[in-house]
Each structure stands twice: as C-alpha cells, then as structure tokens.
Amino acid sequence: MNKYKVIYYMSVLALIPVIEWIEKKSKNLASEKGE
C-alpha cells in the first residue's frame, strides 16, 4: 500500500465524525429558528 493512500484514508476517517458533528449542529440551528 502506498503512503499517499494511507494518508488519504486517515484523513477521510478523521473527517467523518467532524462532518457528522457539523450536520448535527446545522440541524440544531435550523430547528431553533423554527424552520
């Protein structure tokens, strides 16, 4: 396995919880506004 693939997978795995958290935050903000 080459080094760049490892770096790519590591960054994707690191971003998954961040993206989920941002989606939760945006849903919470939308519901607070009453949309």
Protein backbone atom coordinates (compact mmCIF):
# COMPACT_ATOMS: atom_id res chain seq x y z
CA MET A 1 0.00 0.00 0.00
CA ASN A 2 1.45 3.34 -0.89
CA LYS A 3 1.97 6.18 1.53
CA TYR A 4 -0.48 8.59 -0.09
CA LYS A 5 -3.32 6.07 0.11
CA VAL A 6 -2.68 5.67 3.83
CA ILE A 7 -2.71 9.45 4.35
CA TYR A 8 -5.91 9.71 2.29
CA TYR A 9 -7.74 7.05 4.30
CA MET A 10 -6.56 8.52 7.60
CA SER A 11 -7.84 11.97 6.66
CA VAL A 12 -11.19 10.58 5.47
CA LEU A 13 -11.64 8.62 8.70
CA ALA A 14 -10.74 11.71 10.71
CA LEU A 15 -13.25 13.85 8.80
CA ILE A 16 -16.27 11.52 9.19
CA PRO A 17 -17.06 12.47 12.85
CA VAL A 18 -16.38 16.14 12.07
CA ILE A 19 -18.86 16.12 9.19
CA GLU A 20 -21.47 14.32 11.33
CA TRP A 21 -20.99 16.91 14.10
CA ILE A 22 -21.39 19.81 11.64
CA GLU A 23 -24.58 18.23 10.26
CA LYS A 24 -25.99 17.87 13.79
CA LYS A 25 -25.07 21.49 14.58
CA SER A 26 -26.72 22.80 11.41
CA LYS A 27 -29.87 20.74 12.09
CA ASN A 28 -29.99 22.10 15.64
CA LEU A 29 -29.62 25.68 14.40
CA ALA A 30 -32.34 25.15 11.79
CA SER A 31 -34.76 23.71 14.36
CA GLU A 32 -34.05 26.57 16.79
CA LYS A 33 -35.03 29.06 14.10
CA GLY A 34 -38.28 27.14 13.64
CA GLU A 35 -37.76 26.19 10.01
